[in-house]
Amino acid sequence: MWSFAQRRGFTVITPLGAHRFEEPWACCEVCKPMVVKRQLHMLLQRAQRRLVHEELLNGPELRYQRAFLKKVFKTAFEAGLKPPVPLNDSKQEETADGE
């Protein structure tokens, strides 16, 4: 897992309200190069595949979720992201300590 700290927080306005984002953006190893290269389409495709698999969203929900994620990702890129740093993995730490 990786973390991208934001240069500044941002707000996304949707029909359901305002969403404020100030925390770092966490992503997996697969998504990391997509975030670094700002591959919006690839990130949206991967996120949508995960949502379908995990939550079984229907057509209208998927369209709304894609639009929302597109706004969030685009605004995060515009706000600026710092270089990625690895997140601590407690399993790796336990293995390293021999526990």
PDB file of N, CA and C in Angstrom:
ATOM      1  N   MET A   1       0.848  -1.192   0.000  1.00  0.00           N
ATOM      2  CA  MET A   1       0.000   0.000   0.000  1.00  0.00           C
ATOM      3  C   MET A   1       0.882   1.240   0.000  1.00  0.00           C
ATOM      4  N   TRP A   2       0.360   2.281  -0.642  1.00  0.00           N
ATOM      5  CA  TRP A   2       1.076   3.542  -0.785  1.00  0.00           C
ATOM      6  C   TRP A   2       0.177   4.693  -0.366  1.00  0.00           C
ATOM      7  N   SER A   3       0.790   5.792   0.007  1.00  0.00           N
ATOM      8  CA  SER A   3       0.061   6.980   0.427  1.00  0.00           C
ATOM      9  C   SER A   3       0.574   8.198  -0.333  1.00  0.00           C
ATOM     10  N   PHE A   4      -0.357   8.971  -0.877  1.00  0.00           N
ATOM     11  CA  PHE A   4      -0.035  10.226  -1.557  1.00  0.00           C
ATOM     12  C   PHE A   4      -0.611  11.366  -0.724  1.00  0.00           C
ATOM     13  N   ALA A   5       0.258  12.119  -0.051  1.00  0.00           N
ATOM     14  CA  ALA A   5      -0.215  13.277   0.707  1.00  0.00           C
ATOM     15  C   ALA A   5      -0.637  14.367  -0.272  1.00  0.00           C
ATOM     16  N   GLN A   6      -1.625  15.139   0.110  1.00  0.00           N
ATOM     17  CA  GLN A   6      -2.113  16.230  -0.741  1.00  0.00           C
ATOM     18  C   GLN A   6      -1.348  17.510  -0.451  1.00  0.00           C
ATOM     19  N   ARG A   7      -1.136  18.293  -1.484  1.00  0.00           N
ATOM     20  CA  ARG A   7      -0.510  19.609  -1.291  1.00  0.00           C
ATOM     21  C   ARG A   7      -1.512  20.557  -0.620  1.00  0.00           C
ATOM     22  N   ARG A   8      -2.793  20.371  -0.923  1.00  0.00           N
ATOM     23  CA  ARG A   8      -3.860  21.135  -0.249  1.00  0.00           C
ATOM     24  C   ARG A   8      -5.139  20.315  -0.318  1.00  0.00           C
ATOM     25  N   GLY A   9      -5.998  20.497   0.652  1.00  0.00           N
ATOM     26  CA  GLY A   9      -7.277  19.790   0.662  1.00  0.00           C
ATOM     27  C   GLY A   9      -8.199  20.343  -0.413  1.00  0.00           C
ATOM     28  N   PHE A  10      -9.290  19.644  -0.657  1.00  0.00           N
ATOM     29  CA  PHE A  10     -10.235  20.088  -1.675  1.00  0.00           C
ATOM     30  C   PHE A  10     -11.634  19.609  -1.314  1.00  0.00           C
ATOM     31  N   THR A  11     -12.609  20.249  -1.940  1.00  0.00           N
ATOM     32  CA  THR A  11     -14.013  19.909  -1.725  1.00  0.00           C
ATOM     33  C   THR A  11     -14.646  19.556  -3.059  1.00  0.00           C
ATOM     34  N   VAL A  12     -15.445  18.501  -3.066  1.00  0.00           N
ATOM     35  CA  VAL A  12     -16.192  18.100  -4.252  1.00  0.00           C
ATOM     36  C   VAL A  12     -17.677  18.282  -3.926  1.00  0.00           C
ATOM     37  N   ILE A  13     -18.365  19.035  -4.790  1.00  0.00           N
ATOM     38  CA  ILE A  13     -19.792  19.287  -4.612  1.00  0.00           C
ATOM     39  C   ILE A  13     -20.571  18.330  -5.515  1.00  0.00           C
ATOM     40  N   THR A  14     -21.540  17.637  -4.928  1.00  0.00           N
ATOM     41  CA  THR A  14     -22.399  16.714  -5.683  1.00  0.00           C
ATOM     42  C   THR A  14     -23.848  17.023  -5.331  1.00  0.00           C
ATOM     43  N   PRO A  15     -24.791  16.426  -6.046  1.00  0.00           N
ATOM     44  CA  PRO A  15     -26.203  16.624  -5.683  1.00  0.00           C
ATOM     45  C   PRO A  15     -26.524  16.165  -4.258  1.00  0.00           C
ATOM     46  N   LEU A  16     -25.698  15.259  -3.729  1.00  0.00           N
ATOM     47  CA  LEU A  16     -25.948  14.753  -2.373  1.00  0.00           C
ATOM     48  C   LEU A  16     -25.233  15.550  -1.292  1.00  0.00           C
ATOM     49  N   GLY A  17     -24.480  16.587  -1.677  1.00  0.00           N
ATOM     50  CA  GLY A  17     -23.813  17.418  -0.681  1.00  0.00           C
ATOM     51  C   GLY A  17     -22.358  17.673  -1.015  1.00  0.00           C
ATOM     52  N   ALA A  18     -21.687  18.323  -0.081  1.00  0.00           N
ATOM     53  CA  ALA A  18     -20.266  18.663  -0.241  1.00  0.00           C
ATOM     54  C   ALA A  18     -19.417  17.628   0.496  1.00  0.00           C
ATOM     55  N   HIS A  19     -18.335  17.217  -0.148  1.00  0.00           N
ATOM     56  CA  HIS A  19     -17.420  16.238   0.434  1.00  0.00           C
ATOM     57  C   HIS A  19     -16.034  16.862   0.513  1.00  0.00           C
ATOM     58  N   ARG A  20     -15.498  16.960   1.723  1.00  0.00           N
ATOM     59  CA  ARG A  20     -14.183  17.566   1.938  1.00  0.00           C
ATOM     60  C   ARG A  20     -13.134  16.463   2.034  1.00  0.00           C
ATOM     61  N   PHE A  21     -12.011  16.636   1.332  1.00  0.00           N
ATOM     62  CA  PHE A  21     -10.921  15.668   1.331  1.00  0.00           C
ATOM     63  C   PHE A  21      -9.634  16.363   1.777  1.00  0.00           C
ATOM     64  N   GLU A  22      -9.061  15.891   2.858  1.00  0.00           N
ATOM     65  CA  GLU A  22      -7.805  16.447   3.362  1.00  0.00           C
ATOM     66  C   GLU A  22      -6.791  15.365   3.709  1.00  0.00           C
ATOM     67  N   GLU A  23      -7.257  14.135   3.833  1.00  0.00           N
ATOM     68  CA  GLU A  23      -6.372  13.029   4.209  1.00  0.00           C
ATOM     69  C   GLU A  23      -5.574  12.550   3.002  1.00  0.00           C
ATOM     70  N   PRO A  24      -4.447  11.887   3.228  1.00  0.00           N
ATOM     71  CA  PRO A  24      -3.681  11.326   2.110  1.00  0.00           C
ATOM     72  C   PRO A  24      -4.503  10.291   1.333  1.00  0.00           C
ATOM     73  N   TRP A  25      -4.166  10.142   0.081  1.00  0.00           N
ATOM     74  CA  TRP A  25      -4.810   9.187  -0.812  1.00  0.00           C
ATOM     75  C   TRP A  25      -4.039   7.880  -0.716  1.00  0.00           C
ATOM     76  N   ALA A  26      -4.665   6.841  -0.210  1.00  0.00           N
ATOM     77  CA  ALA A  26      -4.025   5.529  -0.109  1.00  0.00           C
ATOM     78  C   ALA A  26      -4.379   4.712  -1.343  1.00  0.00           C
ATOM     79  N   CYS A  27      -3.415   3.981  -1.855  1.00  0.00           N
ATOM     80  CA  CYS A  27      -3.691   3.128  -3.009  1.00  0.00           C
ATOM     81  C   CYS A  27      -2.826   1.874  -2.943  1.00  0.00           C
ATOM     82  N   CYS A  28      -3.221   0.902  -3.741  1.00  0.00           N
ATOM     83  CA  CYS A  28      -2.496  -0.367  -3.785  1.00  0.00           C
ATOM     84  C   CYS A  28      -1.320  -0.266  -4.762  1.00  0.00           C
ATOM     85  N   GLU A  29      -0.547  -1.328  -4.796  1.00  0.00           N
ATOM     86  CA  GLU A  29       0.623  -1.399  -5.684  1.00  0.00           C
ATOM     87  C   GLU A  29       0.219  -1.271  -7.153  1.00  0.00           C
ATOM     88  N   VAL A  30      -0.906  -1.870  -7.527  1.00  0.00           N
ATOM     89  CA  VAL A  30      -1.369  -1.831  -8.920  1.00  0.00           C
ATOM     90  C   VAL A  30      -1.776  -0.414  -9.321  1.00  0.00           C
ATOM     91  N   CYS A  31      -2.434   0.307  -8.421  1.00  0.00           N
ATOM     92  CA  CYS A  31      -2.924   1.651  -8.740  1.00  0.00           C
ATOM     93  C   CYS A  31      -1.838   2.725  -8.651  1.00  0.00           C
ATOM     94  N   LYS A  32      -0.778   2.463  -7.915  1.00  0.00           N
ATOM     95  CA  LYS A  32       0.266   3.472  -7.710  1.00  0.00           C
ATOM     96  C   LYS A  32       0.775   4.086  -9.015  1.00  0.00           C
ATOM     97  N   PRO A  33       1.192   3.286 -10.029  1.00  0.00           N
ATOM     98  CA  PRO A  33       1.666   3.917 -11.262  1.00  0.00           C
ATOM     99  C   PRO A  33       0.582   4.710 -11.988  1.00  0.00           C
ATOM    100  N   MET A  34      -0.683   4.294 -11.838  1.00  0.00           N
ATOM    101  CA  MET A  34      -1.781   5.030 -12.463  1.00  0.00           C
ATOM    102  C   MET A  34      -1.947   6.405 -11.824  1.00  0.00           C
ATOM    103  N   VAL A  35      -1.762   6.464 -10.500  1.00  0.00           N
ATOM    104  CA  VAL A  35      -1.861   7.750  -9.801  1.00  0.00           C
ATOM    105  C   VAL A  35      -0.671   8.619 -10.177  1.00  0.00           C
ATOM    106  N   VAL A  36       0.525   8.057 -10.171  1.00  0.00           N
ATOM    107  CA  VAL A  36       1.736   8.819 -10.519  1.00  0.00           C
ATOM    108  C   VAL A  36       1.611   9.405 -11.923  1.00  0.00           C
ATOM    109  N   LYS A  37       1.097   8.596 -12.868  1.00  0.00           N
ATOM    110  CA  LYS A  37       0.970   9.038 -14.263  1.00  0.00           C
ATOM    111  C   LYS A  37      -0.338   9.766 -14.544  1.00  0.00           C
ATOM    112  N   ARG A  38      -1.175   9.899 -13.517  1.00  0.00           N
ATOM    113  CA  ARG A  38      -2.467  10.564 -13.641  1.00  0.00           C
ATOM    114  C   ARG A  38      -3.339   9.935 -14.713  1.00  0.00           C
ATOM    115  N   GLN A  39      -3.405   8.626 -14.711  1.00  0.00           N
ATOM    116  CA  GLN A  39      -4.203   7.885 -15.685  1.00  0.00           C
ATOM    117  C   GLN A  39      -5.635   7.753 -15.186  1.00  0.00           C
ATOM    118  N   LEU A  40      -6.371   8.828 -15.344  1.00  0.00           N
ATOM    119  CA  LEU A  40      -7.732   8.920 -14.816  1.00  0.00           C
ATOM    120  C   LEU A  40      -8.616   7.780 -15.330  1.00  0.00           C
ATOM    121  N   HIS A  41      -8.603   7.540 -16.624  1.00  0.00           N
ATOM    122  CA  HIS A  41      -9.461   6.504 -17.199  1.00  0.00           C
ATOM    123  C   HIS A  41      -9.140   5.131 -16.598  1.00  0.00           C
ATOM    124  N   MET A  42      -7.865   4.805 -16.460  1.00  0.00           N
ATOM    125  CA  MET A  42      -7.469   3.508 -15.908  1.00  0.00           C
ATOM    126  C   MET A  42      -7.896   3.374 -14.443  1.00  0.00           C
ATOM    127  N   LEU A  43      -7.726   4.446 -13.668  1.00  0.00           N
ATOM    128  CA  LEU A  43      -8.150   4.425 -12.262  1.00  0.00           C
ATOM    129  C   LEU A  43      -9.660   4.231 -12.142  1.00  0.00           C
ATOM    130  N   LEU A  44     -10.409   4.938 -12.986  1.00  0.00           N
ATOM    131  CA  LEU A  44     -11.865   4.802 -12.953  1.00  0.00           C
ATOM    132  C   LEU A  44     -12.295   3.388 -13.334  1.00  0.00           C
ATOM    133  N   GLN A  45     -11.659   2.838 -14.341  1.00  0.00           N
ATOM    134  CA  GLN A  45     -11.986   1.490 -14.774  1.00  0.00           C
ATOM    135  C   GLN A  45     -11.721   0.473 -13.657  1.00  0.00           C
ATOM    136  N   ARG A  46     -10.569   0.595 -13.015  1.00  0.00           N
ATOM    137  CA  ARG A  46     -10.227  -0.336 -11.933  1.00  0.00           C
ATOM    138  C   ARG A  46     -11.178  -0.177 -10.744  1.00  0.00           C
ATOM    139  N   ALA A  47     -11.453   1.066 -10.359  1.00  0.00           N
ATOM    140  CA  ALA A  47     -12.364   1.313  -9.233  1.00  0.00           C
ATOM    141  C   ALA A  47     -13.751   0.758  -9.533  1.00  0.00           C
ATOM    142  N   GLN A  48     -14.212   0.956 -10.764  1.00  0.00           N
ATOM    143  CA  GLN A  48     -15.551   0.489 -11.102  1.00  0.00           C
ATOM    144  C   GLN A  48     -15.618  -1.036 -11.107  1.00  0.00           C
ATOM    145  N   ARG A  49     -14.576  -1.697 -11.598  1.00  0.00           N
ATOM    146  CA  ARG A  49     -14.546  -3.161 -11.559  1.00  0.00           C
ATOM    147  C   ARG A  49     -14.620  -3.655 -10.123  1.00  0.00           C
ATOM    148  N   ARG A  50     -13.901  -2.991  -9.219  1.00  0.00           N
ATOM    149  CA  ARG A  50     -13.915  -3.395  -7.804  1.00  0.00           C
ATOM    150  C   ARG A  50     -15.298  -3.180  -7.204  1.00  0.00           C
ATOM    151  N   LEU A  51     -15.930  -2.057  -7.536  1.00  0.00           N
ATOM    152  CA  LEU A  51     -17.261  -1.770  -6.995  1.00  0.00           C
ATOM    153  C   LEU A  51     -18.283  -2.799  -7.461  1.00  0.00           C
ATOM    154  N   VAL A  52     -18.215  -3.177  -8.711  1.00  0.00           N
ATOM    155  CA  VAL A  52     -19.147  -4.174  -9.231  1.00  0.00           C
ATOM    156  C   VAL A  52     -18.922  -5.497  -8.513  1.00  0.00           C
ATOM    157  N   HIS A  53     -17.665  -5.869  -8.355  1.00  0.00           N
ATOM    158  CA  HIS A  53     -17.345  -7.147  -7.722  1.00  0.00           C
ATOM    159  C   HIS A  53     -17.747  -7.172  -6.248  1.00  0.00           C
ATOM    160  N   GLU A  54     -17.445  -6.096  -5.527  1.00  0.00           N
ATOM    161  CA  GLU A  54     -17.651  -6.096  -4.073  1.00  0.00           C
ATOM    162  C   GLU A  54     -19.043  -5.660  -3.642  1.00  0.00           C
ATOM    163  N   GLU A  55     -19.657  -4.745  -4.375  1.00  0.00           N
ATOM    164  CA  GLU A  55     -20.919  -4.175  -3.902  1.00  0.00           C
ATOM    165  C   GLU A  55     -22.111  -4.483  -4.797  1.00  0.00           C
ATOM    166  N   LEU A  56     -21.858  -5.030  -5.957  1.00  0.00           N
ATOM    167  CA  LEU A  56     -22.933  -5.366  -6.883  1.00  0.00           C
ATOM    168  C   LEU A  56     -23.862  -4.180  -7.136  1.00  0.00           C
ATOM    169  N   LEU A  57     -23.284  -3.060  -7.516  1.00  0.00           N
ATOM    170  CA  LEU A  57     -24.068  -1.866  -7.819  1.00  0.00           C
ATOM    171  C   LEU A  57     -24.795  -2.048  -9.145  1.00  0.00           C
ATOM    172  N   ASN A  58     -25.976  -1.429  -9.262  1.00  0.00           N
ATOM    173  CA  ASN A  58     -26.717  -1.511 -10.520  1.00  0.00           C
ATOM    174  C   ASN A  58     -26.291  -0.374 -11.458  1.00  0.00           C
ATOM    175  N   GLY A  59     -26.863  -0.318 -12.650  1.00  0.00           N
ATOM    176  CA  GLY A  59     -26.480   0.655 -13.674  1.00  0.00           C
ATOM    177  C   GLY A  59     -26.493   2.105 -13.210  1.00  0.00           C
ATOM    178  N   PRO A  60     -27.629   2.616 -12.697  1.00  0.00           N
ATOM    179  CA  PRO A  60     -27.649   4.016 -12.258  1.00  0.00           C
ATOM    180  C   PRO A  60     -26.650   4.306 -11.127  1.00  0.00           C
ATOM    181  N   GLU A  61     -26.512   3.367 -10.196  1.00  0.00           N
ATOM    182  CA  GLU A  61     -25.552   3.557  -9.099  1.00  0.00           C
ATOM    183  C   GLU A  61     -24.128   3.598  -9.628  1.00  0.00           C
ATOM    184  N   LEU A  62     -23.819   2.736 -10.591  1.00  0.00           N
ATOM    185  CA  LEU A  62     -22.475   2.721 -11.179  1.00  0.00           C
ATOM    186  C   LEU A  62     -22.184   4.028 -11.916  1.00  0.00           C
ATOM    187  N   ARG A  63     -23.175   4.532 -12.650  1.00  0.00           N
ATOM    188  CA  ARG A  63     -22.974   5.801 -13.367  1.00  0.00           C
ATOM    189  C   ARG A  63     -22.719   6.940 -12.379  1.00  0.00           C
ATOM    190  N   TYR A  64     -23.510   6.975 -11.301  1.00  0.00           N
ATOM    191  CA  TYR A  64     -23.307   8.020 -10.291  1.00  0.00           C
ATOM    192  C   TYR A  64     -21.930   7.871  -9.647  1.00  0.00           C
ATOM    193  N   GLN A  65     -21.565   6.643  -9.271  1.00  0.00           N
ATOM    194  CA  GLN A  65     -20.289   6.410  -8.598  1.00  0.00           C
ATOM    195  C   GLN A  65     -19.120   6.784  -9.502  1.00  0.00           C
ATOM    196  N   ARG A  66     -19.207   6.455 -10.794  1.00  0.00           N
ATOM    197  CA  ARG A  66     -18.144   6.797 -11.737  1.00  0.00           C
ATOM    198  C   ARG A  66     -18.005   8.316 -11.846  1.00  0.00           C
ATOM    199  N   ALA A  67     -19.132   9.017 -11.955  1.00  0.00           N
ATOM    200  CA  ALA A  67     -19.090  10.482 -12.046  1.00  0.00           C
ATOM    201  C   ALA A  67     -18.484  11.087 -10.777  1.00  0.00           C
ATOM    202  N   PHE A  68     -18.877  10.545  -9.624  1.00  0.00           N
ATOM    203  CA  PHE A  68     -18.349  11.045  -8.359  1.00  0.00           C
ATOM    204  C   PHE A  68     -16.840  10.796  -8.275  1.00  0.00           C
ATOM    205  N   LEU A  69     -16.410   9.565  -8.571  1.00  0.00           N
ATOM    206  CA  LEU A  69     -14.975   9.260  -8.512  1.00  0.00           C
ATOM    207  C   LEU A  69     -14.173  10.089  -9.509  1.00  0.00           C
ATOM    208  N   LYS A  70     -14.738  10.316 -10.671  1.00  0.00           N
ATOM    209  CA  LYS A  70     -14.044  11.141 -11.676  1.00  0.00           C
ATOM    210  C   LYS A  70     -13.803  12.546 -11.129  1.00  0.00           C
ATOM    211  N   LYS A  71     -14.831  13.114 -10.487  1.00  0.00           N
ATOM    212  CA  LYS A  71     -14.672  14.438  -9.879  1.00  0.00           C
ATOM    213  C   LYS A  71     -13.598  14.417  -8.791  1.00  0.00           C
ATOM    214  N   VAL A  72     -13.638  13.400  -7.940  1.00  0.00           N
ATOM    215  CA  VAL A  72     -12.680  13.292  -6.835  1.00  0.00           C
ATOM    216  C   VAL A  72     -11.256  13.148  -7.380  1.00  0.00           C
ATOM    217  N   PHE A  73     -11.047  12.222  -8.306  1.00  0.00           N
ATOM    218  CA  PHE A  73      -9.701  11.987  -8.839  1.00  0.00           C
ATOM    219  C   PHE A  73      -9.177  13.222  -9.561  1.00  0.00           C
ATOM    220  N   LYS A  74     -10.001  13.833 -10.427  1.00  0.00           N
ATOM    221  CA  LYS A  74      -9.565  15.027 -11.165  1.00  0.00           C
ATOM    222  C   LYS A  74      -9.213  16.162 -10.213  1.00  0.00           C
ATOM    223  N   THR A  75     -10.053  16.362  -9.208  1.00  0.00           N
ATOM    224  CA  THR A  75      -9.811  17.446  -8.260  1.00  0.00           C
ATOM    225  C   THR A  75      -8.575  17.162  -7.412  1.00  0.00           C
ATOM    226  N   ALA A  76      -8.343  15.906  -7.056  1.00  0.00           N
ATOM    227  CA  ALA A  76      -7.131  15.551  -6.304  1.00  0.00           C
ATOM    228  C   ALA A  76      -5.888  15.845  -7.140  1.00  0.00           C
ATOM    229  N   PHE A  77      -5.923  15.487  -8.418  1.00  0.00           N
ATOM    230  CA  PHE A  77      -4.787  15.779  -9.293  1.00  0.00           C
ATOM    231  C   PHE A  77      -4.563  17.288  -9.414  1.00  0.00           C
ATOM    232  N   GLU A  78      -5.643  18.054  -9.550  1.00  0.00           N
ATOM    233  CA  GLU A  78      -5.540  19.517  -9.660  1.00  0.00           C
ATOM    234  C   GLU A  78      -5.023  20.138  -8.362  1.00  0.00           C
ATOM    235  N   ALA A  79      -5.422  19.588  -7.222  1.00  0.00           N
ATOM    236  CA  ALA A  79      -4.979  20.118  -5.926  1.00  0.00           C
ATOM    237  C   ALA A  79      -3.507  19.822  -5.683  1.00  0.00           C
ATOM    238  N   GLY A  80      -3.016  18.780  -6.312  1.00  0.00           N
ATOM    239  CA  GLY A  80      -1.606  18.426  -6.181  1.00  0.00           C
ATOM    240  C   GLY A  80      -1.375  17.315  -5.183  1.00  0.00           C
ATOM    241  N   LEU A  81      -0.593  16.340  -5.612  1.00  0.00           N
ATOM    242  CA  LEU A  81      -0.233  15.220  -4.748  1.00  0.00           C
ATOM    243  C   LEU A  81       1.278  15.193  -4.580  1.00  0.00           C
ATOM    244  N   LYS A  82       1.713  14.922  -3.370  1.00  0.00           N
ATOM    245  CA  LYS A  82       3.143  14.762  -3.109  1.00  0.00           C
ATOM    246  C   LYS A  82       3.572  13.371  -3.554  1.00  0.00           C
ATOM    247  N   PRO A  83       4.873  13.118  -3.689  1.00  0.00           N
ATOM    248  CA  PRO A  83       5.332  11.785  -4.088  1.00  0.00           C
ATOM    249  C   PRO A  83       4.839  10.713  -3.107  1.00  0.00           C
ATOM    250  N   PRO A  84       4.650   9.500  -3.616  1.00  0.00           N
ATOM    251  CA  PRO A  84       4.117   8.424  -2.769  1.00  0.00           C
ATOM    252  C   PRO A  84       5.123   7.960  -1.720  1.00  0.00           C
ATOM    253  N   VAL A  85       4.586   7.559  -0.587  1.00  0.00           N
ATOM    254  CA  VAL A  85       5.401   6.940   0.464  1.00  0.00           C
ATOM    255  C   VAL A  85       4.734   5.623   0.839  1.00  0.00           C
ATOM    256  N   PRO A  86       5.527   4.603   1.152  1.00  0.00           N
ATOM    257  CA  PRO A  86       4.916   3.315   1.519  1.00  0.00           C
ATOM    258  C   PRO A  86       4.206   3.411   2.861  1.00  0.00           C
ATOM    259  N   LEU A  87       3.065   2.742   2.957  1.00  0.00           N
ATOM    260  CA  LEU A  87       2.352   2.648   4.228  1.00  0.00           C
ATOM    261  C   LEU A  87       2.916   1.469   5.001  1.00  0.00           C
ATOM    262  N   ASN A  88       2.957   1.582   6.311  1.00  0.00           N
ATOM    263  CA  ASN A  88       3.419   0.467   7.135  1.00  0.00           C
ATOM    264  C   ASN A  88       2.458  -0.692   7.003  1.00  0.00           C
ATOM    265  N   ASP A  89       2.997  -1.862   6.831  1.00  0.00           N
ATOM    266  CA  ASP A  89       2.196  -3.085   6.761  1.00  0.00           C
ATOM    267  C   ASP A  89       2.485  -3.886   8.021  1.00  0.00           C
ATOM    268  N   SER A  90       1.501  -3.987   8.898  1.00  0.00           N
ATOM    269  CA  SER A  90       1.719  -4.640  10.190  1.00  0.00           C
ATOM    270  C   SER A  90       2.139  -6.101  10.003  1.00  0.00           C
ATOM    271  N   LYS A  91       1.666  -6.779   8.955  1.00  0.00           N
ATOM    272  CA  LYS A  91       2.053  -8.165   8.716  1.00  0.00           C
ATOM    273  C   LYS A  91       3.532  -8.268   8.391  1.00  0.00           C
ATOM    274  N   GLN A  92       4.033  -7.315   7.590  1.00  0.00           N
ATOM    275  CA  GLN A  92       5.457  -7.315   7.252  1.00  0.00           C
ATOM    276  C   GLN A  92       6.280  -7.038   8.498  1.00  0.00           C
ATOM    277  N   GLU A  93       5.818  -6.114   9.345  1.00  0.00           N
ATOM    278  CA  GLU A  93       6.557  -5.789  10.564  1.00  0.00           C
ATOM    279  C   GLU A  93       6.604  -6.984  11.500  1.00  0.00           C
ATOM    280  N   GLU A  94       5.476  -7.728  11.623  1.00  0.00           N
ATOM    281  CA  GLU A  94       5.447  -8.901  12.495  1.00  0.00           C
ATOM    282  C   GLU A  94       6.402  -9.966  11.983  1.00  0.00           C
ATOM    283  N   THR A  95       6.441 -10.157  10.673  1.00  0.00           N
ATOM    284  CA  THR A  95       7.320 -11.148  10.080  1.00  0.00           C
ATOM    285  C   THR A  95       8.777 -10.747  10.294  1.00  0.00           C
ATOM    286  N   ALA A  96       9.064  -9.466  10.150  1.00  0.00           N
ATOM    287  CA  ALA A  96      10.433  -8.984  10.325  1.00  0.00           C
ATOM    288  C   ALA A  96      10.891  -9.160  11.773  1.00  0.00           C
ATOM    289  N   ASP A  97       9.954  -9.029  12.717  1.00  0.00           N
ATOM    290  CA  ASP A  97      10.300  -9.180  14.134  1.00  0.00           C
ATOM    291  C   ASP A  97      10.323 -10.639  14.573  1.00  0.00           C
ATOM    292  N   GLY A  98       9.900 -11.531  13.686  1.00  0.00           N
ATOM    293  CA  GLY A  98       9.902 -12.959  14.003  1.00  0.00           C
ATOM    294  C   GLY A  98       8.725 -13.386  14.846  1.00  0.00           C
ATOM    295  N   GLU A  99       7.675 -12.572  14.926  1.00  0.00           N
ATOM    296  CA  GLU A  99       6.490 -12.928  15.725  1.00  0.00           C
ATOM    297  C   GLU A  99       5.473 -13.650  14.890  1.00  0.00           C
TER     298      GLU A  99
END
